Amino acid sequence: MRKPDLDTYSRRAVLRVMCALGGAWLTLDLAKVVHAAPFLSAAELADVDAIAAQIIPTDATPGAREAGVVEFIDRALATVFARMARDFRSQLSEFRLRCRVQYPDVPSFAALPRQQQIEFLQQVERTPFFERIRLLTIVGMFAMPKYGGNREGVGWKLLGFQDQHLFQPPFGYYDRDYAG
């Protein structure tokens, strides 16, 4: 059986898959994310931001940077995804070391030119770290803005989603006086 060619998937197809996964995240207690202290250092944040910006790049539409995905990832690792934080940091450290070994004249992944970033990410795209950061990037792109990602609803705008009540009261005595 032939493996699908990932290069043939359109951005729209990827967004559809991400939306389908979105329902699973509704059960998380993301309220903790709002007031989280920073988890990653400034250098780590710069690399995570650069990775996320390659996963969901800015083109004719906003990407991960405009959506504030790195802030979401930082807050989530300090709170609701704290159980994966130690592994994430360890894998990020390995990623950064591998990058420095491959590009000894460049101080960090974030400092690499765009094309070299893409080439390096292609080498690590099947690693657990990349799978994890890709998932966190997707979640951060489409999460509720109050959790640090999806700044100004840019992810929702890509999907055509409008955040609004989907019901019209009253349904019963309990919401008879609901103002909307």
N, C-alpha and C. Protein backbone atom coordinates (compact mmCIF):
# COMPACT_ATOMS: atom_id res chain seq x y z
N MET A 1 0.84 -1.18 0.00
CA MET A 1 0.00 0.00 0.00
C MET A 1 0.88 1.24 0.00
N ARG A 2 0.57 2.15 -0.86
CA ARG A 2 1.36 3.37 -1.00
C ARG A 2 1.00 4.39 0.08
N LYS A 3 2.01 5.00 0.67
CA LYS A 3 1.78 6.06 1.66
C LYS A 3 1.32 7.32 0.95
N PRO A 4 0.44 8.09 1.60
CA PRO A 4 0.03 9.35 0.96
C PRO A 4 1.19 10.32 0.90
N ASP A 5 1.24 11.08 -0.15
CA ASP A 5 2.26 12.10 -0.33
C ASP A 5 1.81 13.36 0.40
N LEU A 6 2.48 13.66 1.51
CA LEU A 6 2.05 14.79 2.34
C LEU A 6 2.14 16.12 1.62
N ASP A 7 2.99 16.20 0.61
CA ASP A 7 3.12 17.45 -0.13
C ASP A 7 1.88 17.76 -0.97
N THR A 8 1.03 16.75 -1.19
CA THR A 8 -0.15 16.96 -2.03
C THR A 8 -1.33 17.50 -1.25
N TYR A 9 -1.25 17.49 0.08
CA TYR A 9 -2.36 17.98 0.88
C TYR A 9 -2.39 19.50 0.84
N SER A 10 -3.55 20.04 0.57
CA SER A 10 -3.68 21.49 0.54
C SER A 10 -3.83 22.02 1.96
N ARG A 11 -3.61 23.29 2.11
CA ARG A 11 -3.78 23.94 3.41
C ARG A 11 -5.23 23.80 3.86
N ARG A 12 -6.16 23.91 2.93
CA ARG A 12 -7.58 23.77 3.25
C ARG A 12 -7.90 22.37 3.78
N ALA A 13 -7.32 21.34 3.16
CA ALA A 13 -7.55 19.97 3.61
C ALA A 13 -7.02 19.77 5.02
N VAL A 14 -5.85 20.34 5.30
CA VAL A 14 -5.28 20.24 6.64
C VAL A 14 -6.16 20.95 7.65
N LEU A 15 -6.67 22.11 7.29
CA LEU A 15 -7.56 22.85 8.19
C LEU A 15 -8.83 22.05 8.49
N ARG A 16 -9.36 21.35 7.51
CA ARG A 16 -10.56 20.53 7.74
C ARG A 16 -10.28 19.44 8.77
N VAL A 17 -9.14 18.80 8.64
CA VAL A 17 -8.76 17.76 9.59
C VAL A 17 -8.61 18.36 10.99
N MET A 18 -8.00 19.52 11.05
CA MET A 18 -7.80 20.17 12.35
C MET A 18 -9.14 20.50 13.01
N CYS A 19 -10.10 20.92 12.22
CA CYS A 19 -11.41 21.24 12.78
C CYS A 19 -12.09 20.00 13.32
N ALA A 20 -11.91 18.90 12.63
CA ALA A 20 -12.50 17.65 13.08
C ALA A 20 -11.91 17.24 14.43
N LEU A 21 -10.61 17.51 14.62
CA LEU A 21 -9.96 17.18 15.89
C LEU A 21 -10.35 18.15 17.00
N GLY A 22 -10.83 19.31 16.62
CA GLY A 22 -11.14 20.35 17.59
C GLY A 22 -12.13 19.94 18.66
N GLY A 23 -13.09 19.11 18.32
CA GLY A 23 -14.09 18.67 19.29
C GLY A 23 -13.49 17.95 20.47
N ALA A 24 -12.40 17.25 20.25
CA ALA A 24 -11.75 16.53 21.34
C ALA A 24 -11.21 17.47 22.40
N TRP A 25 -10.87 18.69 22.01
CA TRP A 25 -10.26 19.63 22.94
C TRP A 25 -11.29 20.30 23.83
N LEU A 26 -12.58 20.14 23.52
CA LEU A 26 -13.61 20.80 24.31
C LEU A 26 -13.65 20.30 25.74
N THR A 27 -13.16 19.09 25.98
CA THR A 27 -13.20 18.53 27.33
C THR A 27 -12.07 19.03 28.22
N LEU A 28 -11.09 19.71 27.69
CA LEU A 28 -9.97 20.19 28.48
C LEU A 28 -10.35 21.41 29.31
N ASP A 29 -9.74 21.52 30.45
CA ASP A 29 -9.95 22.69 31.29
C ASP A 29 -8.94 23.77 30.90
N LEU A 30 -9.24 24.48 29.82
CA LEU A 30 -8.30 25.48 29.31
C LEU A 30 -8.35 26.79 30.09
N ALA A 31 -9.26 26.91 31.03
CA ALA A 31 -9.32 28.14 31.81
C ALA A 31 -8.01 28.38 32.56
N LYS A 32 -7.31 27.31 32.91
CA LYS A 32 -6.04 27.44 33.61
C LYS A 32 -4.99 28.14 32.75
N VAL A 33 -5.13 28.03 31.45
CA VAL A 33 -4.14 28.57 30.53
C VAL A 33 -4.09 30.09 30.59
N VAL A 34 -5.19 30.72 30.90
CA VAL A 34 -5.30 32.17 30.86
C VAL A 34 -4.29 32.86 31.78
N HIS A 35 -4.05 32.32 32.96
CA HIS A 35 -3.20 32.99 33.95
C HIS A 35 -1.87 32.28 34.19
N ALA A 36 -1.40 31.53 33.24
CA ALA A 36 -0.19 30.74 33.43
C ALA A 36 1.07 31.60 33.40
N ALA A 37 2.04 31.19 34.21
CA ALA A 37 3.36 31.82 34.18
C ALA A 37 4.14 31.24 33.01
N PRO A 38 5.10 31.98 32.48
CA PRO A 38 5.89 31.47 31.35
C PRO A 38 6.60 30.16 31.71
N PHE A 39 6.68 29.26 30.74
CA PHE A 39 7.34 27.97 30.92
C PHE A 39 8.67 27.92 30.18
N LEU A 40 8.69 28.44 28.97
CA LEU A 40 9.88 28.37 28.12
C LEU A 40 10.72 29.65 28.24
N SER A 41 12.03 29.50 28.05
CA SER A 41 12.93 30.65 28.06
C SER A 41 12.74 31.46 26.78
N ALA A 42 13.30 32.64 26.74
CA ALA A 42 13.19 33.49 25.54
C ALA A 42 13.80 32.81 24.32
N ALA A 43 14.94 32.15 24.48
CA ALA A 43 15.58 31.46 23.35
C ALA A 43 14.73 30.28 22.88
N GLU A 44 14.17 29.54 23.85
CA GLU A 44 13.30 28.42 23.48
C GLU A 44 12.04 28.92 22.77
N LEU A 45 11.48 30.02 23.28
CA LEU A 45 10.29 30.60 22.64
C LEU A 45 10.57 31.02 21.21
N ALA A 46 11.74 31.59 20.97
CA ALA A 46 12.09 32.02 19.62
C ALA A 46 12.14 30.83 18.67
N ASP A 47 12.70 29.72 19.11
CA ASP A 47 12.76 28.53 18.26
C ASP A 47 11.37 27.92 18.06
N VAL A 48 10.59 27.84 19.12
CA VAL A 48 9.23 27.30 19.00
C VAL A 48 8.40 28.18 18.07
N ASP A 49 8.55 29.49 18.18
CA ASP A 49 7.83 30.41 17.29
C ASP A 49 8.23 30.19 15.84
N ALA A 50 9.52 30.00 15.59
CA ALA A 50 10.00 29.78 14.22
C ALA A 50 9.48 28.45 13.66
N ILE A 51 9.43 27.42 14.50
CA ILE A 51 8.89 26.13 14.06
C ILE A 51 7.41 26.27 13.72
N ALA A 52 6.65 26.88 14.64
CA ALA A 52 5.21 27.06 14.41
C ALA A 52 4.94 27.88 13.15
N ALA A 53 5.79 28.87 12.90
CA ALA A 53 5.61 29.71 11.72
C ALA A 53 5.89 28.94 10.43
N GLN A 54 6.64 27.87 10.51
CA GLN A 54 6.84 27.02 9.33
C GLN A 54 5.71 26.02 9.19
N ILE A 55 5.11 25.61 10.29
CA ILE A 55 3.99 24.66 10.25
C ILE A 55 2.75 25.34 9.67
N ILE A 56 2.43 26.52 10.18
CA ILE A 56 1.32 27.31 9.63
C ILE A 56 1.89 28.67 9.25
N PRO A 57 2.41 28.75 8.03
CA PRO A 57 3.10 29.98 7.61
C PRO A 57 2.14 31.11 7.27
N THR A 58 2.67 32.29 7.30
CA THR A 58 1.94 33.47 6.86
C THR A 58 2.09 33.56 5.35
N ASP A 59 0.97 33.71 4.68
CA ASP A 59 1.00 33.95 3.23
C ASP A 59 -0.09 34.97 2.95
N ALA A 60 -1.03 34.70 2.10
CA ALA A 60 -2.12 35.63 1.86
C ALA A 60 -3.03 35.72 3.07
N THR A 61 -2.90 34.74 3.98
CA THR A 61 -3.70 34.73 5.20
C THR A 61 -2.75 34.68 6.40
N PRO A 62 -3.23 35.06 7.58
CA PRO A 62 -2.38 35.03 8.77
C PRO A 62 -1.94 33.60 9.11
N GLY A 63 -0.78 33.50 9.73
CA GLY A 63 -0.26 32.21 10.14
C GLY A 63 -0.12 32.12 11.65
N ALA A 64 0.72 31.19 12.09
CA ALA A 64 0.89 30.93 13.52
C ALA A 64 1.40 32.15 14.28
N ARG A 65 2.26 32.94 13.66
CA ARG A 65 2.78 34.13 14.37
C ARG A 65 1.67 35.12 14.67
N GLU A 66 0.87 35.40 13.67
CA GLU A 66 -0.22 36.37 13.86
C GLU A 66 -1.25 35.85 14.87
N ALA A 67 -1.38 34.53 14.94
CA ALA A 67 -2.34 33.93 15.87
C ALA A 67 -1.79 33.83 17.29
N GLY A 68 -0.51 34.13 17.50
CA GLY A 68 0.06 34.05 18.84
C GLY A 68 0.20 32.62 19.35
N VAL A 69 0.46 31.69 18.44
CA VAL A 69 0.55 30.27 18.80
C VAL A 69 1.61 30.02 19.85
N VAL A 70 2.76 30.70 19.77
CA VAL A 70 3.83 30.44 20.73
C VAL A 70 3.39 30.80 22.15
N GLU A 71 2.59 31.84 22.31
CA GLU A 71 2.08 32.18 23.64
C GLU A 71 1.16 31.08 24.17
N PHE A 72 0.32 30.55 23.27
CA PHE A 72 -0.56 29.45 23.68
C PHE A 72 0.25 28.25 24.12
N ILE A 73 1.25 27.87 23.33
CA ILE A 73 2.06 26.69 23.66
C ILE A 73 2.76 26.89 25.01
N ASP A 74 3.33 28.06 25.21
CA ASP A 74 4.02 28.35 26.47
C ASP A 74 3.07 28.23 27.66
N ARG A 75 1.90 28.82 27.55
CA ARG A 75 0.93 28.77 28.65
C ARG A 75 0.40 27.35 28.85
N ALA A 76 0.11 26.66 27.76
CA ALA A 76 -0.45 25.31 27.87
C ALA A 76 0.53 24.35 28.52
N LEU A 77 1.81 24.46 28.20
CA LEU A 77 2.81 23.58 28.80
C LEU A 77 2.97 23.85 30.30
N ALA A 78 2.66 25.05 30.73
CA ALA A 78 2.75 25.38 32.15
C ALA A 78 1.49 24.96 32.91
N THR A 79 0.43 24.58 32.18
CA THR A 79 -0.84 24.29 32.85
C THR A 79 -1.44 22.97 32.36
N VAL A 80 -2.36 23.03 31.43
CA VAL A 80 -3.13 21.85 31.04
C VAL A 80 -2.31 20.76 30.38
N PHE A 81 -1.19 21.10 29.77
CA PHE A 81 -0.31 20.10 29.17
C PHE A 81 0.95 19.92 30.00
N ALA A 82 0.88 20.22 31.29
CA ALA A 82 2.06 20.12 32.16
C ALA A 82 2.61 18.71 32.21
N ARG A 83 1.76 17.71 32.02
CA ARG A 83 2.23 16.32 32.06
C ARG A 83 3.19 16.01 30.90
N MET A 84 3.10 16.78 29.83
CA MET A 84 4.02 16.56 28.70
C MET A 84 5.15 17.59 28.67
N ALA A 85 5.18 18.50 29.62
CA ALA A 85 6.14 19.61 29.60
C ALA A 85 7.58 19.14 29.70
N ARG A 86 7.86 18.19 30.60
CA ARG A 86 9.24 17.73 30.77
C ARG A 86 9.74 17.07 29.48
N ASP A 87 8.92 16.20 28.88
CA ASP A 87 9.31 15.56 27.62
C ASP A 87 9.48 16.60 26.51
N PHE A 88 8.57 17.57 26.47
CA PHE A 88 8.64 18.60 25.44
C PHE A 88 9.96 19.36 25.55
N ARG A 89 10.29 19.78 26.76
CA ARG A 89 11.52 20.55 26.96
C ARG A 89 12.75 19.71 26.61
N SER A 90 12.75 18.45 26.99
CA SER A 90 13.87 17.56 26.66
C SER A 90 13.99 17.38 25.15
N GLN A 91 12.87 17.15 24.48
CA GLN A 91 12.88 16.98 23.03
C GLN A 91 13.26 18.28 22.32
N LEU A 92 12.81 19.40 22.84
CA LEU A 92 13.20 20.69 22.28
C LEU A 92 14.70 20.89 22.42
N SER A 93 15.25 20.51 23.56
CA SER A 93 16.69 20.62 23.78
C SER A 93 17.45 19.76 22.76
N GLU A 94 16.98 18.54 22.53
CA GLU A 94 17.61 17.67 21.53
C GLU A 94 17.50 18.28 20.13
N PHE A 95 16.35 18.85 19.81
CA PHE A 95 16.12 19.50 18.52
C PHE A 95 17.12 20.65 18.34
N ARG A 96 17.27 21.47 19.37
CA ARG A 96 18.15 22.62 19.29
C ARG A 96 19.62 22.19 19.18
N LEU A 97 19.99 21.13 19.90
CA LEU A 97 21.36 20.61 19.81
C LEU A 97 21.64 20.07 18.40
N ARG A 98 20.71 19.32 17.89
CA ARG A 98 20.87 18.76 16.54
C ARG A 98 21.02 19.89 15.51
N CYS A 99 20.27 20.95 15.69
CA CYS A 99 20.35 22.10 14.78
C CYS A 99 21.73 22.77 14.88
N ARG A 100 22.24 22.94 16.11
CA ARG A 100 23.56 23.57 16.29
C ARG A 100 24.67 22.71 15.70
N VAL A 101 24.52 21.39 15.81
CA VAL A 101 25.53 20.49 15.23
C VAL A 101 25.51 20.59 13.71
N GLN A 102 24.32 20.62 13.15
CA GLN A 102 24.21 20.69 11.70
C GLN A 102 24.59 22.06 11.14
N TYR A 103 24.29 23.10 11.90
CA TYR A 103 24.58 24.48 11.46
C TYR A 103 25.40 25.17 12.54
N PRO A 104 26.67 24.83 12.68
CA PRO A 104 27.48 25.36 13.79
C PRO A 104 27.71 26.87 13.74
N ASP A 105 27.55 27.49 12.60
CA ASP A 105 27.79 28.93 12.48
C ASP A 105 26.55 29.76 12.80
N VAL A 106 25.43 29.10 13.08
CA VAL A 106 24.17 29.80 13.35
C VAL A 106 23.77 29.53 14.80
N PRO A 107 23.44 30.56 15.55
CA PRO A 107 23.20 30.37 16.98
C PRO A 107 21.93 29.59 17.35
N SER A 108 20.93 29.56 16.46
CA SER A 108 19.68 28.88 16.81
C SER A 108 18.87 28.57 15.55
N PHE A 109 17.87 27.73 15.73
CA PHE A 109 16.97 27.42 14.63
C PHE A 109 16.29 28.68 14.13
N ALA A 110 15.86 29.54 15.04
CA ALA A 110 15.17 30.78 14.67
C ALA A 110 16.04 31.69 13.81
N ALA A 111 17.36 31.58 13.97
CA ALA A 111 18.28 32.44 13.20
C ALA A 111 18.58 31.89 11.81
N LEU A 112 18.16 30.67 11.54
CA LEU A 112 18.39 30.10 10.20
C LEU A 112 17.53 30.81 9.16
N PRO A 113 18.03 30.91 7.94
CA PRO A 113 17.18 31.41 6.85
C PRO A 113 16.00 30.46 6.63
N ARG A 114 14.93 30.98 6.09
CA ARG A 114 13.68 30.22 5.91
C ARG A 114 13.91 28.87 5.23
N GLN A 115 14.64 28.85 4.14
CA GLN A 115 14.84 27.61 3.39
C GLN A 115 15.59 26.57 4.21
N GLN A 116 16.56 26.99 4.99
CA GLN A 116 17.29 26.05 5.85
C GLN A 116 16.39 25.54 6.98
N GLN A 117 15.51 26.40 7.49
CA GLN A 117 14.55 25.95 8.49
C GLN A 117 13.69 24.83 7.92
N ILE A 118 13.19 25.03 6.71
CA ILE A 118 12.33 24.03 6.09
C ILE A 118 13.10 22.72 5.87
N GLU A 119 14.31 22.82 5.37
CA GLU A 119 15.14 21.62 5.15
C GLU A 119 15.37 20.86 6.45
N PHE A 120 15.66 21.60 7.52
CA PHE A 120 15.91 20.96 8.81
C PHE A 120 14.63 20.30 9.34
N LEU A 121 13.50 20.99 9.22
CA LEU A 121 12.24 20.42 9.69
C LEU A 121 11.86 19.16 8.90
N GLN A 122 12.19 19.11 7.64
CA GLN A 122 11.92 17.91 6.85
C GLN A 122 12.72 16.72 7.39
N GLN A 123 13.87 16.97 7.95
CA GLN A 123 14.68 15.90 8.52
C GLN A 123 14.10 15.36 9.82
N VAL A 124 13.37 16.19 10.55
CA VAL A 124 12.86 15.79 11.87
C VAL A 124 11.35 15.63 11.91
N GLU A 125 10.68 15.71 10.76
CA GLU A 125 9.22 15.74 10.78
C GLU A 125 8.57 14.45 11.26
N ARG A 126 9.28 13.37 11.32
CA ARG A 126 8.73 12.09 11.80
C ARG A 126 9.10 11.80 13.25
N THR A 127 9.66 12.77 13.94
CA THR A 127 10.06 12.57 15.34
C THR A 127 8.89 12.86 16.26
N PRO A 128 8.89 12.28 17.47
CA PRO A 128 7.83 12.59 18.43
C PRO A 128 7.75 14.09 18.76
N PHE A 129 8.92 14.75 18.81
CA PHE A 129 8.90 16.18 19.10
C PHE A 129 8.14 16.96 18.03
N PHE A 130 8.43 16.69 16.79
CA PHE A 130 7.77 17.44 15.73
C PHE A 130 6.27 17.14 15.72
N GLU A 131 5.91 15.89 15.92
CA GLU A 131 4.48 15.54 15.98
C GLU A 131 3.79 16.31 17.11
N ARG A 132 4.46 16.41 18.24
CA ARG A 132 3.89 17.11 19.39
C ARG A 132 3.76 18.62 19.12
N ILE A 133 4.81 19.22 18.58
CA ILE A 133 4.76 20.67 18.35
C ILE A 133 3.77 21.00 17.23
N ARG A 134 3.64 20.11 16.26
CA ARG A 134 2.65 20.32 15.21
C ARG A 134 1.24 20.32 15.81
N LEU A 135 0.95 19.36 16.68
CA LEU A 135 -0.35 19.30 17.33
C LEU A 135 -0.61 20.55 18.16
N LEU A 136 0.38 20.96 18.96
CA LEU A 136 0.21 22.16 19.79
C LEU A 136 0.02 23.41 18.94
N THR A 137 0.69 23.46 17.80
CA THR A 137 0.54 24.60 16.88
C THR A 137 -0.88 24.66 16.33
N ILE A 138 -1.41 23.52 15.95
CA ILE A 138 -2.77 23.46 15.41
C ILE A 138 -3.78 23.87 16.48
N VAL A 139 -3.61 23.34 17.68
CA VAL A 139 -4.52 23.69 18.76
C VAL A 139 -4.44 25.18 19.06
N GLY A 140 -3.23 25.72 19.13
CA GLY A 140 -3.04 27.15 19.40
C GLY A 140 -3.62 28.03 18.32
N MET A 141 -3.62 27.55 17.11
CA MET A 141 -4.14 28.34 15.98
C MET A 141 -5.65 28.49 16.06
N PHE A 142 -6.34 27.48 16.62
CA PHE A 142 -7.80 27.47 16.58
C PHE A 142 -8.47 27.48 17.96
N ALA A 143 -7.69 27.59 19.03
CA ALA A 143 -8.26 27.64 20.37
C ALA A 143 -9.02 28.96 20.57
N MET A 144 -9.75 29.01 21.65
CA MET A 144 -10.41 30.28 21.98
C MET A 144 -9.33 31.33 22.24
N PRO A 145 -9.49 32.53 21.72
CA PRO A 145 -8.46 33.57 21.89
C PRO A 145 -8.08 33.85 23.34
N LYS A 146 -8.99 33.68 24.26
CA LYS A 146 -8.66 33.99 25.66
C LYS A 146 -7.62 33.04 26.24
N TYR A 147 -7.30 31.94 25.54
CA TYR A 147 -6.29 31.00 26.01
C TYR A 147 -4.90 31.30 25.47
N GLY A 148 -4.74 32.39 24.75
CA GLY A 148 -3.42 32.82 24.32
C GLY A 148 -3.13 32.64 22.85
N GLY A 149 -3.80 31.74 22.19
CA GLY A 149 -3.62 31.56 20.75
C GLY A 149 -4.79 32.17 19.99
N ASN A 150 -4.82 31.92 18.69
CA ASN A 150 -5.92 32.40 17.86
C ASN A 150 -6.21 33.89 18.12
N ARG A 151 -5.14 34.67 18.20
CA ARG A 151 -5.26 36.10 18.49
C ARG A 151 -6.24 36.78 17.54
N GLU A 152 -7.16 37.51 18.09
CA GLU A 152 -8.20 38.23 17.35
C GLU A 152 -9.01 37.30 16.44
N GLY A 153 -9.03 36.01 16.77
CA GLY A 153 -9.82 35.05 16.02
C GLY A 153 -9.32 34.78 14.61
N VAL A 154 -8.02 34.99 14.35
CA VAL A 154 -7.52 34.83 12.98
C VAL A 154 -7.67 33.39 12.48
N GLY A 155 -7.51 32.42 13.36
CA GLY A 155 -7.70 31.02 12.97
C GLY A 155 -9.14 30.75 12.59
N TRP A 156 -10.06 31.28 13.39
CA TRP A 156 -11.48 31.08 13.10
C TRP A 156 -11.86 31.75 11.78
N LYS A 157 -11.28 32.91 11.52
CA LYS A 157 -11.59 33.61 10.26
C LYS A 157 -11.16 32.78 9.06
N LEU A 158 -10.04 32.06 9.18
CA LEU A 158 -9.59 31.18 8.10
C LEU A 158 -10.64 30.11 7.78
N LEU A 159 -11.34 29.68 8.82
CA LEU A 159 -12.33 28.63 8.66
C LEU A 159 -13.72 29.16 8.36
N GLY A 160 -13.91 30.47 8.50
CA GLY A 160 -15.23 31.04 8.32
C GLY A 160 -16.11 30.87 9.55
N PHE A 161 -15.50 30.59 10.70
CA PHE A 161 -16.25 30.40 11.94
C PHE A 161 -16.52 31.74 12.61
N GLN A 162 -17.75 31.93 13.07
CA GLN A 162 -18.10 33.13 13.82
C GLN A 162 -18.50 32.72 15.23
N ASP A 163 -17.84 33.29 16.21
CA ASP A 163 -18.13 32.96 17.60
C ASP A 163 -19.41 33.67 18.03
N GLN A 164 -20.48 32.90 18.12
CA GLN A 164 -21.77 33.48 18.51
C GLN A 164 -22.63 32.39 19.14
N HIS A 165 -23.61 32.83 19.88
CA HIS A 165 -24.56 31.88 20.46
C HIS A 165 -25.33 31.22 19.34
N LEU A 166 -25.54 29.93 19.49
CA LEU A 166 -26.26 29.20 18.45
C LEU A 166 -27.68 28.84 18.88
N PHE A 167 -28.16 29.50 19.91
CA PHE A 167 -29.51 29.20 20.38
C PHE A 167 -30.28 30.50 20.59
N GLN A 168 -31.56 30.37 20.62
CA GLN A 168 -32.43 31.50 20.89
C GLN A 168 -33.29 31.18 22.11
N PRO A 169 -33.10 31.88 23.21
CA PRO A 169 -33.93 31.63 24.39
C PRO A 169 -35.31 32.25 24.20
N PRO A 170 -36.25 31.94 25.01
CA PRO A 170 -36.16 31.06 26.17
C PRO A 170 -36.47 29.60 25.82
N PHE A 171 -35.78 28.72 26.51
CA PHE A 171 -36.06 27.30 26.38
C PHE A 171 -36.88 26.82 27.57
N GLY A 172 -36.86 27.58 28.63
CA GLY A 172 -37.60 27.18 29.82
C GLY A 172 -37.48 28.24 30.88
N TYR A 173 -37.97 27.92 32.06
CA TYR A 173 -37.99 28.86 33.16
C TYR A 173 -36.60 29.36 33.52
N TYR A 174 -35.60 28.52 33.37
CA TYR A 174 -34.24 28.87 33.80
C TYR A 174 -33.60 29.98 32.97
N ASP A 175 -34.04 30.20 31.75
CA ASP A 175 -33.44 31.26 30.93
C ASP A 175 -34.47 32.25 30.39
N ARG A 176 -35.60 32.27 31.02
CA ARG A 176 -36.69 33.14 30.58
C ARG A 176 -36.26 34.60 30.49
N ASP A 177 -35.42 35.06 31.40
CA ASP A 177 -35.00 36.46 31.42
C ASP A 177 -33.62 36.68 30.81
N TYR A 178 -33.11 35.73 30.07
CA TYR A 178 -31.79 35.83 29.46
C TYR A 178 -31.78 36.97 28.44
N ALA A 179 -30.82 37.89 28.60
CA ALA A 179 -30.76 39.08 27.73
C ALA A 179 -29.98 38.82 26.44
N GLY A 180 -29.24 37.74 26.37
CA GLY A 180 -28.49 37.42 25.14
C GLY A 180 -27.03 37.61 25.31
